[in-house]
C-alpha atoms as a PDB file:
ATOM      1  CA  MET A   1       0.000   0.000   0.000  1.00  0.00           C
ATOM      2  CA  ASP A   2       1.361   3.428  -0.903  1.00  0.00           C
ATOM      3  CA  PHE A   3       0.911   6.137   1.734  1.00  0.00           C
ATOM      4  CA  GLY A   4       2.402   8.992  -0.245  1.00  0.00           C
ATOM      5  CA  SER A   5       5.539  10.696   0.968  1.00  0.00           C
ATOM      6  CA  ILE A   6       4.925  10.040   4.658  1.00  0.00           C
ATOM      7  CA  ASN A   7       7.937   8.502   6.372  1.00  0.00           C
ATOM      8  CA  LEU A   8       6.438   6.079   8.872  1.00  0.00           C
ATOM      9  CA  GLY A   9       9.744   4.480   9.826  1.00  0.00           C
ATOM     10  CA  SER A  10       8.558   0.897   9.682  1.00  0.00           C
ATOM     11  CA  ASN A  11       5.843  -0.884   7.761  1.00  0.00           C
ATOM     12  CA  PRO A  12       2.794  -0.395  10.041  1.00  0.00           C
ATOM     13  CA  SER A  13      -0.479  -2.150   9.411  1.00  0.00           C
ATOM     14  CA  PRO A  14      -3.433  -0.161   8.044  1.00  0.00           C
ATOM     15  CA  ALA A  15      -5.110  -0.460  11.459  1.00  0.00           C
ATOM     16  CA  ALA A  16      -2.095   1.099  13.169  1.00  0.00           C
ATOM     17  CA  ILE A  17      -2.046   3.922  10.646  1.00  0.00           C
ATOM     18  CA  LEU A  18      -5.712   4.729  11.320  1.00  0.00           C
ATOM     19  CA  ARG A  19      -5.345   4.435  15.119  1.00  0.00           C
ATOM     20  CA  GLN A  20      -2.301   6.683  15.186  1.00  0.00           C
ATOM     21  CA  GLY A  21      -3.844   9.341  12.960  1.00  0.00           C
ATOM     22  CA  TYR A  22      -1.276   9.408  10.157  1.00  0.00           C
ATOM     23  CA  GLY A  23      -2.528  11.150   7.027  1.00  0.00           C
ATOM     24  CA  ILE A  24      -3.328   9.047   4.010  1.00  0.00           C
ATOM     25  CA  ALA A  25      -2.891  10.245   0.448  1.00  0.00           C
ATOM     26  CA  GLY A  26      -6.376  10.467  -1.005  1.00  0.00           C
ATOM     27  CA  LYS A  27      -9.839  10.079   0.433  1.00  0.00           C
ATOM     28  CA  ALA A  28     -10.435   6.860  -1.510  1.00  0.00           C
ATOM     29  CA  LYS A  29      -7.587   5.103   0.321  1.00  0.00           C
ATOM     30  CA  ALA A  30      -8.919   6.208   3.703  1.00  0.00           C
ATOM     31  CA  THR A  31     -12.374   4.907   2.782  1.00  0.00           C
ATOM     32  CA  GLU A  32     -10.829   1.658   1.541  1.00  0.00           C
ATOM     33  CA  LEU A  33      -9.003   1.186   4.841  1.00  0.00           C
ATOM     34  CA  GLN A  34     -12.082   2.012   6.917  1.00  0.00           C
ATOM     35  CA  ALA A  35     -14.241  -0.384   4.899  1.00  0.00           C
ATOM     36  CA  SER A  36     -11.893  -3.241   5.734  1.00  0.00           C
ATOM     37  CA  MET A  37     -11.689  -2.502   9.487  1.00  0.00           C
ATOM     38  CA  TYR A  38     -13.532  -3.990  12.452  1.00  0.00           C
ATOM     39  CA  TYR A  39     -14.206  -1.955  15.568  1.00  0.00           C
ATOM     40  CA  CYS A  40     -14.387  -2.544  19.297  1.00  0.00           C
ATOM     41  CA  TYR A  41     -16.230   0.222  21.143  1.00  0.00           C
ATOM     42  CA  ILE A  42     -17.366   1.487  24.525  1.00  0.00           C
ATOM     43  CA  LEU A  43     -20.691   3.262  24.990  1.00  0.00           C
ATOM     44  CA  LEU A  44     -21.907   5.255  27.994  1.00  0.00           C
ATOM     45  CA  SER A  45     -25.613   5.521  28.751  1.00  0.00           C
ATOM     46  CA  SER A  46     -26.584   9.137  29.369  1.00  0.00           C
ATOM     47  CA  LYS A  47     -29.692   7.904  31.196  1.00  0.00           C
ATOM     48  CA  SER A  48     -28.342   5.345  33.651  1.00  0.00           C
ATOM     49  CA  HIS A  49     -24.571   5.987  33.422  1.00  0.00           C
ATOM     50  CA  ILE A  50     -23.611   2.384  32.654  1.00  0.00           C
ATOM     51  CA  PHE A  51     -21.050   1.230  30.113  1.00  0.00           C
ATOM     52  CA  TYR A  52     -21.569  -1.159  27.213  1.00  0.00           C
ATOM     53  CA  PHE A  53     -18.732  -2.936  25.388  1.00  0.00           C
ATOM     54  CA  GLY A  54     -19.257  -4.183  21.842  1.00  0.00           C
ATOM     55  CA  SER A  55     -17.702  -4.842  18.433  1.00  0.00           C
ATOM     56  CA  THR A  56     -18.916  -4.275  14.887  1.00  0.00           C
ATOM     57  CA  LYS A  57     -17.976  -3.863  11.237  1.00  0.00           C
ATOM     58  CA  ASP A  58     -19.878  -0.562  10.835  1.00  0.00           C
ATOM     59  CA  LEU A  59     -19.610   1.694  13.874  1.00  0.00           C
ATOM     60  CA  LYS A  60     -22.049   4.407  12.737  1.00  0.00           C
ATOM     61  CA  VAL A  61     -24.802   1.927  11.874  1.00  0.00           C
ATOM     62  CA  ARG A  62     -24.304   0.037  15.140  1.00  0.00           C
ATOM     63  CA  LEU A  63     -24.481   3.227  17.250  1.00  0.00           C
ATOM     64  CA  ASN A  64     -27.705   4.177  15.457  1.00  0.00           C
ATOM     65  CA  LEU A  65     -29.121   0.708  16.181  1.00  0.00           C
ATOM     66  CA  HIS A  66     -28.304   1.115  19.884  1.00  0.00           C
ATOM     67  CA  ASN A  67     -29.909   4.578  20.052  1.00  0.00           C
ATOM     68  CA  SER A  68     -33.006   3.593  18.065  1.00  0.00           C
ATOM     69  CA  GLY A  69     -33.849   0.778  20.507  1.00  0.00           C
ATOM     70  CA  LYS A  70     -33.261  -2.065  18.061  1.00  0.00           C
ATOM     71  CA  ILE A  71     -30.702  -3.779  20.304  1.00  0.00           C
ATOM     72  CA  LYS A  72     -32.601  -5.603  23.071  1.00  0.00           C
ATOM     73  CA  SER A  73     -29.814  -5.484  25.676  1.00  0.00           C
ATOM     74  CA  THR A  74     -29.268  -1.715  25.394  1.00  0.00           C
ATOM     75  CA  LYS A  75     -32.819  -0.501  24.717  1.00  0.00           C
ATOM     76  CA  PRO A  76     -33.701   0.334  28.375  1.00  0.00           C
ATOM     77  CA  TYR A  77     -30.652   2.601  28.714  1.00  0.00           C
ATOM     78  CA  ILE A  78     -31.091   4.892  25.665  1.00  0.00           C
ATOM     79  CA  PRO A  79     -29.499   7.333  24.794  1.00  0.00           C
ATOM     80  CA  TRP A  80     -25.954   6.064  24.303  1.00  0.00           C
ATOM     81  CA  ARG A  81     -22.804   8.093  23.712  1.00  0.00           C
ATOM     82  CA  LEU A  82     -19.672   6.710  22.081  1.00  0.00           C
ATOM     83  CA  VAL A  83     -16.836   7.018  24.595  1.00  0.00           C
ATOM     84  CA  TRP A  84     -14.047   5.092  22.834  1.00  0.00           C
ATOM     85  CA  TYR A  85     -13.412   2.915  19.813  1.00  0.00           C
ATOM     86  CA  GLY A  86     -10.457   1.050  18.371  1.00  0.00           C
ATOM     87  CA  ALA A  87      -9.903  -0.214  14.822  1.00  0.00           C
ATOM     88  CA  PHE A  88      -8.715  -3.763  14.126  1.00  0.00           C
ATOM     89  CA  GLU A  89      -7.775  -5.544  10.917  1.00  0.00           C
ATOM     90  CA  THR A  90      -9.799  -8.679  11.594  1.00  0.00           C
ATOM     91  CA  GLU A  91     -13.139  -9.467  13.184  1.00  0.00           C
ATOM     92  CA  LYS A  92     -11.412 -11.953  15.500  1.00  0.00           C
ATOM     93  CA  GLU A  93      -9.084  -9.257  16.882  1.00  0.00           C
ATOM     94  CA  ALA A  94     -12.007  -6.904  17.536  1.00  0.00           C
ATOM     95  CA  ARG A  95     -14.089  -9.628  19.210  1.00  0.00           C
ATOM     96  CA  ASP A  96     -11.155 -10.874  21.265  1.00  0.00           C
ATOM     97  CA  PHE A  97     -10.493  -7.343  22.533  1.00  0.00           C
ATOM     98  CA  GLU A  98     -14.210  -6.897  23.299  1.00  0.00           C
ATOM     99  CA  GLN A  99     -14.150 -10.134  25.320  1.00  0.00           C
ATOM    100  CA  TYR A 100     -11.040  -8.936  27.167  1.00  0.00           C
ATOM    101  CA  LEU A 101     -12.722  -5.608  28.009  1.00  0.00           C
ATOM    102  CA  LYS A 102     -15.614  -7.541  29.560  1.00  0.00           C
ATOM    103  CA  THR A 103     -13.286  -9.276  32.063  1.00  0.00           C
ATOM    104  CA  GLY A 104     -12.365  -7.771  35.409  1.00  0.00           C
ATOM    105  CA  SER A 105      -8.867  -6.779  34.368  1.00  0.00           C
ATOM    106  CA  GLY A 106     -10.163  -5.560  30.993  1.00  0.00           C
ATOM    107  CA  LYS A 107     -12.702  -3.288  32.680  1.00  0.00           C
ATOM    108  CA  SER A 108     -10.003  -1.911  34.980  1.00  0.00           C
ATOM    109  CA  PHE A 109      -7.794  -1.253  31.956  1.00  0.00           C
ATOM    110  CA  ALA A 110     -10.633   0.390  30.012  1.00  0.00           C
ATOM    111  CA  TYR A 111     -11.713   2.600  32.910  1.00  0.00           C
ATOM    112  CA  LYS A 112      -8.137   3.714  33.557  1.00  0.00           C
ATOM    113  CA  ARG A 113      -6.974   4.207  29.959  1.00  0.00           C
ATOM    114  CA  PHE A 114     -10.042   4.888  27.791  1.00  0.00           C
ATOM    115  CA  VAL A 115     -12.967   5.989  29.898  1.00  0.00           C
ATOM    116  CA  SER A 116     -11.288   8.372  32.334  1.00  0.00           C
ATOM    117  CA  VAL A 117     -11.157  11.116  29.688  1.00  0.00           C
ATOM    118  CA  ALA A 118     -14.878  10.759  28.956  1.00  0.00           C
ATOM    119  CA  LEU A 119     -15.710  10.784  32.656  1.00  0.00           C
ATOM    120  CA  LYS A 120     -13.753  14.003  33.232  1.00  0.00           C
ATOM    121  CA  LYS A 121     -15.875  15.668  30.565  1.00  0.00           C
ATOM    122  CA  ASP A 122     -19.037  14.122  32.011  1.00  0.00           C
ATOM    123  CA  PHE A 123     -18.249  15.444  35.503  1.00  0.00           C
ATOM    124  CA  ALA A 124     -17.310  18.853  34.073  1.00  0.00           C
ATOM    125  CA  GLU A 125     -20.809  19.030  32.568  1.00  0.00           C
ATOM    126  CA  GLY A 126     -22.319  18.637  36.025  1.00  0.00           C
ATOM    127  CA  ARG A 127     -22.958  14.925  36.593  1.00  0.00           C
ATOM    128  CA  LYS A 128     -22.073  13.578  40.026  1.00  0.00           C
ATOM    129  CA  GLY A 129     -21.390  10.004  41.082  1.00  0.00           C
ATOM    130  CA  SER A 130     -19.639   7.119  39.402  1.00  0.00           C
ATOM    131  CA  PRO A 131     -21.080   5.155  36.507  1.00  0.00           C
ATOM    132  CA  LYS A 132     -22.614   1.796  37.299  1.00  0.00           C
ATOM    133  CA  ARG A 133     -20.983  -1.326  35.967  1.00  0.00           C
ATOM    134  CA  LYS A 134     -23.180  -3.590  33.895  1.00  0.00           C
END
């Protein structure tokens, strides 16, 4: 894959390039990379302040499904806000990371590394108390 004149040092995977925010020559290449990615994501319920961990091929469609009440497990907690997402090259990698995030150590990692930024903003907007764990 040709990434223009960007010197990336090594030969990173397309997923790493997207995660790290390196520019890509041409919008078509960015769309091509995004179309081949799988995502793991964390949602925060604005209503009940619980987190939801999931994975998908199309992040925008999946978030709309959650917020439209078409996902049975998340329907009672609408509306949802995307707190974090990560791009992976394969569905297996995304699902494996989702499963890890659902473990005790995975939740601790997520709360410390991914969610803390979202919570700071949430508290700054006036919410008090910690989110509930699902």
